[in-house]
Each structure stands twice: as structure tokens, then as C-alpha cells.
Amino acid sequence: MDESVRPLTLGEWMLTLLVLAIPLVNILMYLYWAFAGRNLNRKRFCQASLIWFLIVLGLGLVLGILGALFSLGMSM
């Protein structure tokens, strides 16, 4: 079976989740596995996680800006 499409074993998933739980290391590994990873399953998982992170970050920024503008408007 081609190594890039081989399903990850339970142990490999456990190791992946452990590495992703370590602060700062997780950011580097998300980026590495999303863009240079050899296993397609892990690569797609990291890409999807990064996309969700960007969506949540964008929504947080928009809501934060709207909240700040609303609070400024209420104080005037």
C-alpha cells in the first residue's frame, strides 16, 4: 500500500494528538504536517484544523471590533 494514503494506526494518532497538545510545538507541527506531511490523512486533518482556526480567528476579530464599536457608541 502507498505510504501516503495508508491509514494511520491508533498509536500514530495517539502520538499525533500528544504532539499537537504541546504548546508552540503544535503550531510548527500543524504547519509542517499541513504543507509538507507525507501522510495524506494527517495532512488533510492539519489543513482542516488550520482552516477552522482561521475562521474562528476571523469571527473573533469581527465580533471584537463590533463589540468595541458598540461599547464606544454606548458611552457617548
N, C-alpha and C. Protein backbone atom coordinates (compact mmCIF):
# COMPACT_ATOMS: atom_id res chain seq x y z
N MET A 1 0.85 -1.19 0.00
CA MET A 1 0.00 0.00 0.00
C MET A 1 0.89 1.25 0.00
N ASP A 2 0.47 2.25 -0.75
CA ASP A 2 1.21 3.50 -0.83
C ASP A 2 1.26 4.17 0.55
N GLU A 3 2.45 4.55 0.98
CA GLU A 3 2.65 5.13 2.32
C GLU A 3 1.86 6.42 2.52
N SER A 4 1.64 7.19 1.46
CA SER A 4 0.97 8.48 1.62
C SER A 4 -0.53 8.34 1.90
N VAL A 5 -1.14 7.23 1.50
CA VAL A 5 -2.58 7.06 1.73
C VAL A 5 -2.88 5.97 2.75
N ARG A 6 -1.85 5.39 3.34
CA ARG A 6 -2.04 4.36 4.36
C ARG A 6 -2.71 4.99 5.58
N PRO A 7 -3.77 4.36 6.10
CA PRO A 7 -4.39 4.91 7.31
C PRO A 7 -3.40 4.90 8.48
N LEU A 8 -3.49 5.93 9.31
CA LEU A 8 -2.65 5.98 10.49
C LEU A 8 -3.14 4.95 11.51
N THR A 9 -2.21 4.34 12.21
CA THR A 9 -2.58 3.38 13.25
C THR A 9 -3.05 4.16 14.49
N LEU A 10 -3.64 3.43 15.41
CA LEU A 10 -4.08 4.05 16.67
C LEU A 10 -2.89 4.69 17.39
N GLY A 11 -1.77 4.02 17.42
CA GLY A 11 -0.57 4.57 18.06
C GLY A 11 -0.09 5.85 17.39
N GLU A 12 -0.13 5.88 16.06
CA GLU A 12 0.28 7.09 15.34
C GLU A 12 -0.66 8.25 15.62
N TRP A 13 -1.98 7.95 15.74
CA TRP A 13 -2.93 9.01 16.08
C TRP A 13 -2.71 9.50 17.50
N MET A 14 -2.41 8.58 18.42
CA MET A 14 -2.14 8.97 19.81
C MET A 14 -0.91 9.87 19.87
N LEU A 15 0.14 9.52 19.13
CA LEU A 15 1.35 10.34 19.09
C LEU A 15 1.06 11.69 18.44
N THR A 16 0.28 11.70 17.38
CA THR A 16 -0.09 12.95 16.72
C THR A 16 -0.81 13.88 17.69
N LEU A 17 -1.80 13.36 18.40
CA LEU A 17 -2.56 14.19 19.33
C LEU A 17 -1.71 14.64 20.51
N LEU A 18 -0.77 13.81 20.95
CA LEU A 18 0.14 14.20 22.02
C LEU A 18 1.03 15.36 21.57
N VAL A 19 1.59 15.26 20.39
CA VAL A 19 2.45 16.33 19.85
C VAL A 19 1.65 17.61 19.68
N LEU A 20 0.42 17.51 19.22
CA LEU A 20 -0.41 18.69 19.00
C LEU A 20 -0.89 19.32 20.30
N ALA A 21 -0.71 18.64 21.42
CA ALA A 21 -1.10 19.19 22.72
C ALA A 21 0.03 19.99 23.37
N ILE A 22 1.23 19.96 22.79
CA ILE A 22 2.38 20.67 23.35
C ILE A 22 2.40 22.10 22.79
N PRO A 23 2.32 23.11 23.67
CA PRO A 23 2.31 24.50 23.19
C PRO A 23 3.57 24.83 22.38
N LEU A 24 3.40 25.67 21.39
CA LEU A 24 4.44 26.14 20.45
C LEU A 24 4.88 25.04 19.49
N VAL A 25 5.13 23.85 19.99
CA VAL A 25 5.48 22.74 19.11
C VAL A 25 4.30 22.43 18.19
N ASN A 26 3.07 22.54 18.75
CA ASN A 26 1.89 22.21 17.96
C ASN A 26 1.74 23.11 16.74
N ILE A 27 2.06 24.38 16.88
CA ILE A 27 1.95 25.30 15.74
C ILE A 27 2.89 24.88 14.63
N LEU A 28 4.13 24.59 14.99
CA LEU A 28 5.11 24.18 13.99
C LEU A 28 4.71 22.86 13.33
N MET A 29 4.22 21.93 14.13
CA MET A 29 3.85 20.63 13.58
C MET A 29 2.58 20.72 12.72
N TYR A 30 1.61 21.56 13.13
CA TYR A 30 0.43 21.76 12.28
C TYR A 30 0.87 22.26 10.90
N LEU A 31 1.75 23.26 10.88
CA LEU A 31 2.20 23.82 9.61
C LEU A 31 3.01 22.80 8.81
N TYR A 32 3.90 22.08 9.48
CA TYR A 32 4.72 21.08 8.78
C TYR A 32 3.84 19.99 8.19
N TRP A 33 2.96 19.41 9.02
CA TRP A 33 2.13 18.32 8.54
C TRP A 33 1.11 18.79 7.50
N ALA A 34 0.64 20.03 7.59
CA ALA A 34 -0.36 20.53 6.63
C ALA A 34 0.26 20.77 5.26
N PHE A 35 1.52 21.19 5.23
CA PHE A 35 2.10 21.58 3.94
C PHE A 35 3.19 20.65 3.44
N ALA A 36 3.87 19.93 4.33
CA ALA A 36 4.97 19.07 3.89
C ALA A 36 4.80 17.63 4.37
N GLY A 37 3.68 17.33 4.99
CA GLY A 37 3.47 15.99 5.52
C GLY A 37 3.38 14.95 4.42
N ARG A 38 3.84 13.75 4.74
CA ARG A 38 3.82 12.67 3.75
C ARG A 38 2.52 11.87 3.80
N ASN A 39 1.89 11.78 4.96
CA ASN A 39 0.66 11.00 5.09
C ASN A 39 -0.54 11.88 4.77
N LEU A 40 -1.32 11.48 3.79
CA LEU A 40 -2.44 12.29 3.32
C LEU A 40 -3.51 12.48 4.39
N ASN A 41 -3.74 11.47 5.24
CA ASN A 41 -4.74 11.59 6.30
C ASN A 41 -4.36 12.68 7.30
N ARG A 42 -3.12 12.64 7.78
CA ARG A 42 -2.66 13.63 8.74
C ARG A 42 -2.58 15.01 8.08
N LYS A 43 -2.18 15.05 6.83
CA LYS A 43 -2.07 16.31 6.10
C LYS A 43 -3.44 17.00 5.99
N ARG A 44 -4.46 16.25 5.61
CA ARG A 44 -5.81 16.82 5.47
C ARG A 44 -6.38 17.23 6.83
N PHE A 45 -6.10 16.44 7.87
CA PHE A 45 -6.55 16.78 9.22
C PHE A 45 -5.95 18.12 9.65
N CYS A 46 -4.66 18.30 9.44
CA CYS A 46 -4.00 19.55 9.84
C CYS A 46 -4.46 20.73 8.98
N GLN A 47 -4.69 20.49 7.70
CA GLN A 47 -5.21 21.56 6.85
C GLN A 47 -6.59 22.00 7.30
N ALA A 48 -7.46 21.04 7.60
CA ALA A 48 -8.81 21.37 8.06
C ALA A 48 -8.75 22.09 9.41
N SER A 49 -7.89 21.67 10.30
CA SER A 49 -7.76 22.32 11.60
C SER A 49 -7.29 23.76 11.45
N LEU A 50 -6.34 23.99 10.55
CA LEU A 50 -5.85 25.36 10.32
C LEU A 50 -6.94 26.24 9.71
N ILE A 51 -7.73 25.69 8.81
CA ILE A 51 -8.83 26.45 8.22
C ILE A 51 -9.84 26.84 9.28
N TRP A 52 -10.21 25.89 10.17
CA TRP A 52 -11.13 26.21 11.26
C TRP A 52 -10.54 27.27 12.18
N PHE A 53 -9.23 27.18 12.46
CA PHE A 53 -8.57 28.18 13.29
C PHE A 53 -8.70 29.56 12.67
N LEU A 54 -8.47 29.66 11.37
CA LEU A 54 -8.57 30.96 10.68
C LEU A 54 -10.01 31.49 10.69
N ILE A 55 -10.99 30.60 10.51
CA ILE A 55 -12.39 31.01 10.56
C ILE A 55 -12.75 31.55 11.94
N VAL A 56 -12.37 30.83 12.98
CA VAL A 56 -12.68 31.26 14.34
C VAL A 56 -11.94 32.55 14.68
N LEU A 57 -10.69 32.67 14.25
CA LEU A 57 -9.92 33.89 14.48
C LEU A 57 -10.59 35.08 13.79
N GLY A 58 -11.01 34.90 12.55
CA GLY A 58 -11.69 35.97 11.82
C GLY A 58 -12.99 36.38 12.48
N LEU A 59 -13.79 35.40 12.90
CA LEU A 59 -15.04 35.72 13.59
C LEU A 59 -14.78 36.44 14.91
N GLY A 60 -13.76 36.00 15.63
CA GLY A 60 -13.40 36.65 16.89
C GLY A 60 -12.98 38.09 16.69
N LEU A 61 -12.21 38.34 15.63
CA LEU A 61 -11.79 39.71 15.34
C LEU A 61 -12.98 40.59 14.97
N VAL A 62 -13.86 40.08 14.12
CA VAL A 62 -15.04 40.85 13.72
C VAL A 62 -15.92 41.14 14.93
N LEU A 63 -16.19 40.13 15.75
CA LEU A 63 -17.03 40.34 16.92
C LEU A 63 -16.36 41.25 17.93
N GLY A 64 -15.04 41.15 18.07
CA GLY A 64 -14.32 42.05 18.97
C GLY A 64 -14.39 43.49 18.52
N ILE A 65 -14.23 43.71 17.23
CA ILE A 65 -14.31 45.07 16.68
C ILE A 65 -15.73 45.61 16.84
N LEU A 66 -16.73 44.78 16.51
CA LEU A 66 -18.12 45.23 16.67
C LEU A 66 -18.44 45.51 18.13
N GLY A 67 -17.94 44.68 19.03
CA GLY A 67 -18.16 44.91 20.46
C GLY A 67 -17.51 46.20 20.93
N ALA A 68 -16.31 46.47 20.44
CA ALA A 68 -15.62 47.71 20.82
C ALA A 68 -16.36 48.92 20.27
N LEU A 69 -16.81 48.84 19.03
CA LEU A 69 -17.56 49.96 18.45
C LEU A 69 -18.88 50.17 19.17
N PHE A 70 -19.55 49.09 19.53
CA PHE A 70 -20.81 49.19 20.25
C PHE A 70 -20.61 49.81 21.63
N SER A 71 -19.55 49.39 22.32
CA SER A 71 -19.31 49.94 23.65
C SER A 71 -18.89 51.41 23.57
N LEU A 72 -18.18 51.79 22.54
CA LEU A 72 -17.83 53.19 22.34
C LEU A 72 -19.09 54.03 22.04
N GLY A 73 -19.98 53.47 21.24
CA GLY A 73 -21.23 54.16 20.91
C GLY A 73 -22.13 54.32 22.12
N MET A 74 -22.12 53.36 23.00
CA MET A 74 -22.97 53.42 24.21
C MET A 74 -22.42 54.41 25.22
N SER A 75 -21.11 54.64 25.21
CA SER A 75 -20.54 55.54 26.20
C SER A 75 -20.62 57.00 25.78
N MET A 76 -20.94 57.24 24.52
CA MET A 76 -21.02 58.64 24.05
C MET A 76 -22.36 59.24 24.30
